[in-house]
Amino acid sequence: MAMTPRDRAHAFCDRFGLRVPILQAPMASASPPGLAAAVANAGGLGGLGALMSSPALIADWARTFRASSNGAFQVNLWVPDPPPVRDAAHEAAVRARLAPLAGAEVPDPGAGPFTQDFAQQFEALLAAGPAIASTIMGLFEPAQVAALKAGNIAWFATVTTLADARAAEAAGADAVIAQGSEAGGHRGAFDQADAETQLTGLFALLPIIADAVRVPVIATGGIMDGRGIAAALTLGASAVQLGTAYLRTPEAGLHPAYADAIPNGETVLTRAFSGRLARGLRNQVTEAFSDLVPAPYPVQRAIMVPVRAAAEAAGDVTRMQAWAGQGAALAVAEPAAALTTRLWAEASALLA
């Protein structure tokens, strides 16, 4: 007999030490340990988006989390790209376009590096010993997969296509996170050059992947309430991952102007903030690149530093890097633990 959605969710929770099949998305710009601990204490899975975190910060985050919760958490790493091809003239044009938004000349970001050392981050992850290691933008190498298994750390791989889901399963992933095009933040496409062509919505992508792989599937992208959770589980997911839904919680610690704008703004896909395709609120920065290609990742992110700083200092969301998914209008200001508990109660009632 086929498992019911509730049975599948309960099996997932039993396997990964949860009480609620809700994962807090590991958002690099909005995953403080207090938010993760609140979700974990409500029975879900907390998360650290470690893209910009040094090994020391990863260790400190894990210690702070464990001081507030005995629950489970994931640490998410970005699989690195090859070094970008630099174009000084193009970068100069990008900096000139951004100068009015920064309120000053935007300096050349230099030679870099602009990212953390991935190998050192991975070693810090192993030392921190989370329940889950997750990836986005690609897959761990075989030796890294073996190290995770030796450390009893499960691996969840973010995918945006059926081909990537199959590749993740073959590489040893314990679950795949199916990211629909509705999701806020960065697209998890393995080949970023083709990211604009890999925009399948969650509720089309989810059953295709669920029918094709044997590992559990976690649904993410546009899920904001119990209706979305119940729908995702009905379509084959074993759990859901929520990002935008948690952005207005007090534990997320967003600038008030950003938090207040989430339910009222329009979201767009853009490469303006980092050079990678991502979904956020339409604003002056996204419009500034309507006719100019940004610099490649991670150069564009480095060029954007003074614009982000000026926007934060002024509390001006029209210049902020304000990630949000297509369900943003449903975001509510509610403590994270209460939100987690309420959403699962709503979904459970619908699934009963």
Protein backbone atom coordinates (compact mmCIF):
# COMPACT_ATOMS: atom_id res chain seq x y z
CA MET A 1 0.00 0.00 0.00
CA ALA A 2 1.32 3.45 -0.91
CA MET A 3 2.21 5.74 1.98
CA THR A 4 -0.16 8.59 2.73
CA PRO A 5 1.26 12.13 2.81
CA ARG A 6 1.12 12.12 6.61
CA ASP A 7 2.84 8.74 6.80
CA ARG A 8 5.57 9.95 4.46
CA ALA A 9 6.10 13.09 6.56
CA HIS A 10 6.22 11.10 9.79
CA ALA A 11 8.76 8.69 8.29
CA PHE A 12 10.93 11.63 7.27
CA CYS A 13 10.73 13.14 10.75
CA ASP A 14 11.59 9.83 12.39
CA ARG A 15 14.60 9.36 10.14
CA PHE A 16 16.05 12.84 10.63
CA GLY A 17 15.14 13.51 14.26
CA LEU A 18 12.34 16.02 13.78
CA ARG A 19 8.81 16.36 15.13
CA VAL A 20 7.55 18.61 12.33
CA PRO A 21 8.42 18.22 8.60
CA ILE A 22 9.30 21.90 8.21
CA LEU A 23 12.80 23.13 7.42
CA GLN A 24 13.89 26.72 7.86
CA ALA A 25 15.66 27.66 4.65
CA PRO A 26 19.37 28.32 5.27
CA MET A 27 19.38 31.91 4.03
CA ALA A 28 22.87 33.39 3.92
CA SER A 29 21.60 36.88 4.77
CA ALA A 30 18.93 35.91 7.28
CA SER A 31 19.67 32.78 9.28
CA PRO A 32 20.87 33.86 12.72
CA PRO A 33 21.16 31.08 15.30
CA GLY A 34 18.18 32.45 17.23
CA LEU A 35 15.87 31.87 14.28
CA ALA A 36 17.19 28.37 13.70
CA ALA A 37 16.87 27.51 17.39
CA ALA A 38 13.28 28.75 17.52
CA VAL A 39 12.32 26.56 14.56
CA ALA A 40 14.19 23.57 15.97
CA ASN A 41 12.59 23.99 19.39
CA ALA A 42 9.21 23.85 17.66
CA GLY A 43 10.20 20.50 16.15
CA GLY A 44 11.48 21.61 12.74
CA LEU A 45 14.96 21.90 11.27
CA GLY A 46 16.95 25.09 11.75
CA GLY A 47 19.51 26.19 9.22
CA LEU A 48 22.66 28.22 8.58
CA GLY A 49 23.32 29.61 5.13
CA ALA A 50 27.11 29.55 5.34
CA LEU A 51 27.97 31.14 1.99
CA MET A 52 29.68 34.14 3.58
CA SER A 53 30.71 32.44 6.83
CA SER A 54 34.33 31.80 7.71
CA PRO A 55 35.21 28.52 9.43
CA ALA A 56 35.34 30.39 12.75
CA LEU A 57 31.88 31.85 12.18
CA ILE A 58 30.47 28.41 11.33
CA ALA A 59 31.84 27.07 14.60
CA ASP A 60 30.53 30.05 16.57
CA TRP A 61 27.07 29.78 14.97
CA ALA A 62 26.84 26.08 15.92
CA ARG A 63 27.88 26.80 19.52
CA THR A 64 25.34 29.60 19.84
CA PHE A 65 22.59 27.42 18.38
CA ARG A 66 23.35 24.57 20.78
CA ALA A 67 23.25 26.93 23.73
CA SER A 68 19.58 27.56 22.89
CA SER A 69 18.38 24.27 21.42
CA ASN A 70 18.90 20.53 21.51
CA GLY A 71 17.22 20.26 18.13
CA ALA A 72 18.61 19.59 14.68
CA PHE A 73 20.08 22.03 12.18
CA GLN A 74 21.55 22.06 8.70
CA VAL A 75 24.57 23.90 7.38
CA ASN A 76 24.29 24.89 3.72
CA LEU A 77 27.32 25.34 1.47
CA TRP A 78 27.50 26.73 -2.06
CA VAL A 79 29.42 24.51 -4.44
CA PRO A 80 31.94 26.92 -6.01
CA ASP A 81 32.06 27.99 -9.64
CA PRO A 82 35.20 28.18 -11.75
CA PRO A 83 36.94 31.57 -11.43
CA PRO A 84 35.01 34.30 -13.27
CA VAL A 85 36.23 35.85 -16.50
CA ARG A 86 36.94 39.49 -15.68
CA ASP A 87 36.30 42.42 -18.04
CA ALA A 88 37.66 45.72 -16.68
CA ALA A 89 35.71 47.92 -19.10
CA HIS A 90 32.43 46.18 -18.36
CA GLU A 91 33.03 46.35 -14.62
CA ALA A 92 33.71 50.08 -14.94
CA ALA A 93 30.34 50.52 -16.65
CA VAL A 94 28.65 48.55 -13.86
CA ARG A 95 30.32 50.68 -11.19
CA ALA A 96 29.28 53.86 -12.98
CA ARG A 97 25.69 52.67 -13.13
CA LEU A 98 25.72 52.00 -9.38
CA ALA A 99 27.42 55.21 -8.26
CA PRO A 100 24.16 57.21 -7.92
CA LEU A 101 22.71 54.45 -5.75
CA ALA A 102 25.81 54.33 -3.55
CA GLY A 103 25.91 58.11 -3.27
CA ALA A 104 29.58 58.06 -4.20
CA GLU A 105 32.01 56.60 -6.67
CA VAL A 106 32.02 52.80 -6.48
CA PRO A 107 35.62 51.56 -6.24
CA ASP A 108 37.17 48.72 -8.16
CA PRO A 109 36.75 45.63 -5.95
CA GLY A 110 40.25 44.41 -6.68
CA ALA A 111 41.45 40.92 -7.47
CA GLY A 112 39.60 39.07 -4.75
CA PRO A 113 39.12 36.41 -3.58
CA PHE A 114 35.48 37.33 -3.05
CA THR A 115 34.32 34.04 -1.52
CA GLN A 116 35.27 31.90 1.45
CA ASP A 117 37.55 28.89 0.91
CA PHE A 118 35.14 26.04 0.21
CA ALA A 119 37.44 23.27 1.43
CA GLN A 120 37.97 25.06 4.73
CA GLN A 121 34.24 25.66 5.09
CA PHE A 122 33.61 21.97 4.52
CA GLU A 123 36.11 21.01 7.24
CA ALA A 124 34.41 23.47 9.59
CA LEU A 125 31.06 21.87 8.76
CA LEU A 126 32.42 18.44 9.65
CA ALA A 127 33.77 19.79 12.94
CA ALA A 128 30.45 21.47 13.77
CA GLY A 129 28.66 18.15 13.29
CA PRO A 130 25.20 19.25 12.14
CA ALA A 131 22.50 16.68 11.54
CA ILE A 132 22.35 17.77 7.91
CA ALA A 133 24.76 19.23 5.38
CA SER A 134 23.03 20.76 2.38
CA THR A 135 24.31 22.01 -0.94
CA ILE A 136 23.17 24.47 -3.54
CA MET A 137 24.60 25.18 -7.02
CA GLY A 138 26.04 21.68 -7.35
CA LEU A 139 27.08 18.49 -5.58
CA PHE A 140 29.72 17.41 -3.10
CA GLU A 141 32.72 15.47 -4.40
CA PRO A 142 32.83 11.70 -3.66
CA ALA A 143 35.47 12.15 -0.94
CA GLN A 144 33.31 14.78 0.75
CA VAL A 145 30.27 12.50 0.59
CA ALA A 146 32.32 9.75 2.22
CA ALA A 147 33.46 12.15 4.96
CA LEU A 148 29.86 13.12 5.68
CA LYS A 149 28.79 9.50 5.94
CA ALA A 150 31.72 8.77 8.26
CA GLY A 151 30.57 11.67 10.44
CA ASN A 152 26.93 10.47 10.41
CA ILE A 153 25.89 13.71 8.69
CA ALA A 154 23.08 13.41 6.14
CA TRP A 155 23.27 15.29 2.84
CA PHE A 156 20.38 17.21 1.28
CA ALA A 157 21.06 18.47 -2.26
CA THR A 158 19.14 21.42 -3.72
CA VAL A 159 18.03 20.81 -7.32
CA THR A 160 15.99 22.68 -9.90
CA THR A 161 15.62 20.01 -12.60
CA LEU A 162 14.90 16.30 -12.87
CA ALA A 163 18.37 15.68 -14.31
CA ASP A 164 20.00 17.37 -11.31
CA ALA A 165 17.81 15.36 -8.91
CA ARG A 166 18.90 12.12 -10.52
CA ALA A 167 22.54 13.21 -10.41
CA ALA A 168 22.21 14.07 -6.71
CA GLU A 169 20.70 10.70 -5.89
CA ALA A 170 23.43 8.91 -7.83
CA ALA A 171 26.07 10.92 -5.96
CA GLY A 172 24.75 9.73 -2.60
CA ALA A 173 22.38 12.47 -1.44
CA ASP A 174 20.08 11.34 1.37
CA ALA A 175 17.31 13.68 0.14
CA VAL A 176 16.81 16.27 -2.57
CA ILE A 177 15.36 19.74 -2.11
CA ALA A 178 13.21 20.53 -5.16
CA GLN A 179 13.41 24.31 -5.62
CA GLY A 180 10.62 25.83 -7.67
CA SER A 181 11.02 29.07 -9.56
CA GLU A 182 8.79 30.81 -7.00
CA ALA A 183 11.57 30.66 -4.38
CA GLY A 184 13.15 33.80 -3.00
CA GLY A 185 16.91 34.22 -3.04
CA HIS A 186 19.28 32.50 -5.41
CA ARG A 187 18.31 29.89 -7.97
CA GLY A 188 20.05 26.59 -7.29
CA ALA A 189 20.72 25.74 -10.94
CA PHE A 190 23.91 23.72 -11.34
CA ASP A 191 24.72 25.54 -14.59
CA GLN A 192 24.20 29.21 -13.84
CA ALA A 193 24.56 30.16 -17.49
CA ASP A 194 21.27 28.32 -18.12
CA ALA A 195 19.51 29.40 -14.92
CA GLU A 196 16.98 31.56 -16.79
CA THR A 197 15.83 28.48 -18.73
CA GLN A 198 15.39 26.35 -15.59
CA LEU A 199 12.35 28.05 -14.09
CA THR A 200 9.84 25.27 -13.56
CA GLY A 201 7.29 26.08 -10.86
CA LEU A 202 7.33 23.95 -7.73
CA PHE A 203 4.03 22.18 -8.20
CA ALA A 204 5.02 21.08 -11.71
CA LEU A 205 8.58 20.12 -10.71
CA LEU A 206 7.75 18.35 -7.45
CA PRO A 207 5.71 15.34 -8.67
CA ILE A 208 8.11 14.80 -11.57
CA ILE A 209 11.04 14.48 -9.20
CA ALA A 210 9.10 12.56 -6.55
CA ASP A 211 8.13 9.94 -9.11
CA ALA A 212 11.69 9.56 -10.39
CA VAL A 213 13.88 9.26 -7.28
CA ARG A 214 13.86 6.90 -4.32
CA VAL A 215 15.18 9.35 -1.74
CA PRO A 216 12.85 11.76 0.11
CA VAL A 217 11.99 15.00 -1.65
CA ILE A 218 11.74 18.31 0.20
CA ALA A 219 9.64 21.00 -1.49
CA THR A 220 10.69 24.65 -1.47
CA GLY A 221 9.51 27.77 -3.28
CA GLY A 222 6.39 29.82 -2.62
CA ILE A 223 5.12 27.76 0.32
CA MET A 224 3.75 30.17 2.91
CA ASP A 225 0.91 28.51 4.81
CA GLY A 226 -0.73 25.22 5.75
CA ARG A 227 -2.43 24.98 2.36
CA GLY A 228 0.91 25.04 0.58
CA ILE A 229 2.43 22.50 2.94
CA ALA A 230 -0.51 20.11 2.52
CA ALA A 231 -0.39 20.52 -1.27
CA ALA A 232 3.35 19.82 -1.38
CA LEU A 233 3.02 16.68 0.73
CA THR A 234 0.10 15.51 -1.40
CA LEU A 235 2.23 15.92 -4.53
CA GLY A 236 4.95 13.67 -3.16
CA ALA A 237 7.11 15.73 -0.83
CA SER A 238 8.19 14.29 2.51
CA ALA A 239 8.85 17.74 4.00
CA VAL A 240 8.91 21.42 3.07
CA GLN A 241 11.53 24.14 3.35
CA LEU A 242 10.36 27.71 4.05
CA GLY A 243 12.39 30.87 3.58
CA THR A 244 10.23 33.92 2.88
CA ALA A 245 7.67 32.70 5.42
CA TYR A 246 10.26 33.23 8.18
CA LEU A 247 11.62 36.60 7.02
CA ARG A 248 9.14 38.69 9.01
CA THR A 249 9.68 36.78 12.27
CA PRO A 250 11.45 38.87 14.92
CA GLU A 251 14.19 36.22 15.14
CA ALA A 252 15.21 36.80 11.51
CA GLY A 253 16.46 40.25 12.47
CA LEU A 254 15.76 41.97 9.16
CA HIS A 255 15.91 45.73 8.84
CA PRO A 256 12.34 46.93 9.61
CA ALA A 257 12.05 48.63 6.22
CA TYR A 258 12.82 45.33 4.49
CA ALA A 259 10.50 43.30 6.71
CA ASP A 260 7.64 45.76 6.22
CA ALA A 261 8.08 45.80 2.44
CA ILE A 262 7.90 42.02 1.97
CA PRO A 263 4.09 41.58 1.81
CA ASN A 264 3.62 44.68 -0.36
CA GLY A 265 6.33 44.37 -2.98
CA GLU A 266 6.60 42.76 -6.41
CA THR A 267 9.28 40.11 -6.86
CA VAL A 268 11.51 39.75 -9.91
CA LEU A 269 14.33 37.51 -11.03
CA THR A 270 17.59 39.44 -11.26
CA ARG A 271 21.35 39.07 -11.40
CA ALA A 272 21.82 42.65 -10.19
CA PHE A 273 22.93 41.94 -6.64
CA SER A 274 25.41 39.11 -7.03
CA GLY A 275 25.80 38.12 -10.67
CA ARG A 276 23.80 34.95 -10.03
CA LEU A 277 20.11 34.69 -10.80
CA ALA A 278 17.97 35.34 -7.74
CA ARG A 279 14.46 36.45 -6.81
CA GLY A 280 13.87 39.56 -4.73
CA LEU A 281 11.78 42.69 -4.44
CA ARG A 282 11.78 44.92 -7.50
CA ASN A 283 13.59 48.14 -6.63
CA GLN A 284 16.05 50.73 -7.95
CA VAL A 285 18.88 48.19 -8.12
CA THR A 286 16.97 45.62 -10.15
CA GLU A 287 15.75 48.36 -12.49
CA ALA A 288 19.27 49.74 -12.91
CA PHE A 289 20.22 46.53 -14.71
CA SER A 290 17.23 46.28 -16.99
CA ASP A 291 19.50 47.20 -19.90
CA LEU A 292 22.97 46.35 -18.55
CA VAL A 293 24.34 42.88 -17.81
CA PRO A 294 25.83 42.73 -14.31
CA ALA A 295 29.37 41.57 -13.69
CA PRO A 296 29.76 37.82 -13.14
CA TYR A 297 29.41 36.20 -9.73
CA PRO A 298 31.02 36.86 -7.28
CA VAL A 299 32.48 40.07 -8.74
CA GLN A 300 29.07 41.75 -8.91
CA ARG A 301 28.46 41.02 -5.24
CA ALA A 302 31.78 42.65 -4.36
CA ILE A 303 30.99 45.70 -6.49
CA MET A 304 27.63 46.03 -4.72
CA VAL A 305 29.14 46.38 -1.22
CA PRO A 306 28.95 50.20 -1.01
CA VAL A 307 25.39 50.23 -2.38
CA ARG A 308 24.25 47.72 0.23
CA ALA A 309 26.00 49.68 2.97
CA ALA A 310 24.40 52.97 1.90
CA ALA A 311 20.95 51.38 1.70
CA GLU A 312 21.25 49.83 5.16
CA ALA A 313 22.48 53.07 6.68
CA ALA A 314 19.58 54.99 5.17
CA GLY A 315 16.96 52.30 5.84
CA ASP A 316 16.11 52.51 2.14
CA VAL A 317 14.57 49.27 0.90
CA THR A 318 14.51 50.66 -2.65
CA ARG A 319 18.28 50.06 -2.72
CA MET A 320 18.53 47.02 -0.45
CA GLN A 321 19.25 43.44 -1.40
CA ALA A 322 15.75 42.30 -0.43
CA TRP A 323 15.24 38.65 -1.26
CA ALA A 324 11.65 37.37 -1.26
CA GLY A 325 9.66 34.64 -2.99
CA GLN A 326 6.47 34.87 -5.00
CA GLY A 327 4.35 34.06 -1.94
CA ALA A 328 5.60 37.19 -0.15
CA ALA A 329 2.12 38.72 0.13
CA LEU A 330 1.24 35.95 2.59
CA ALA A 331 4.17 36.65 4.94
CA VAL A 332 3.13 37.45 8.49
CA ALA A 333 4.97 38.97 11.45
CA GLU A 334 4.86 36.17 14.01
CA PRO A 335 7.44 34.52 16.29
CA ALA A 336 9.18 31.66 14.50
CA ALA A 337 8.21 28.88 16.91
CA ALA A 338 4.55 29.89 16.91
CA LEU A 339 4.59 30.15 13.12
CA THR A 340 6.10 26.68 12.74
CA THR A 341 3.58 25.13 15.10
CA ARG A 342 0.62 26.90 13.49
CA LEU A 343 1.58 26.01 9.94
CA TRP A 344 1.95 22.33 10.72
CA ALA A 345 -1.37 22.31 12.60
CA GLU A 346 -3.07 23.89 9.57
CA ALA A 347 -1.48 21.39 7.19
CA SER A 348 -2.30 18.45 9.43
CA ALA A 349 -5.95 19.44 9.55
CA LEU A 350 -6.10 19.53 5.77
CA LEU A 351 -4.35 16.16 5.48
CA ALA A 352 -6.43 14.42 8.13
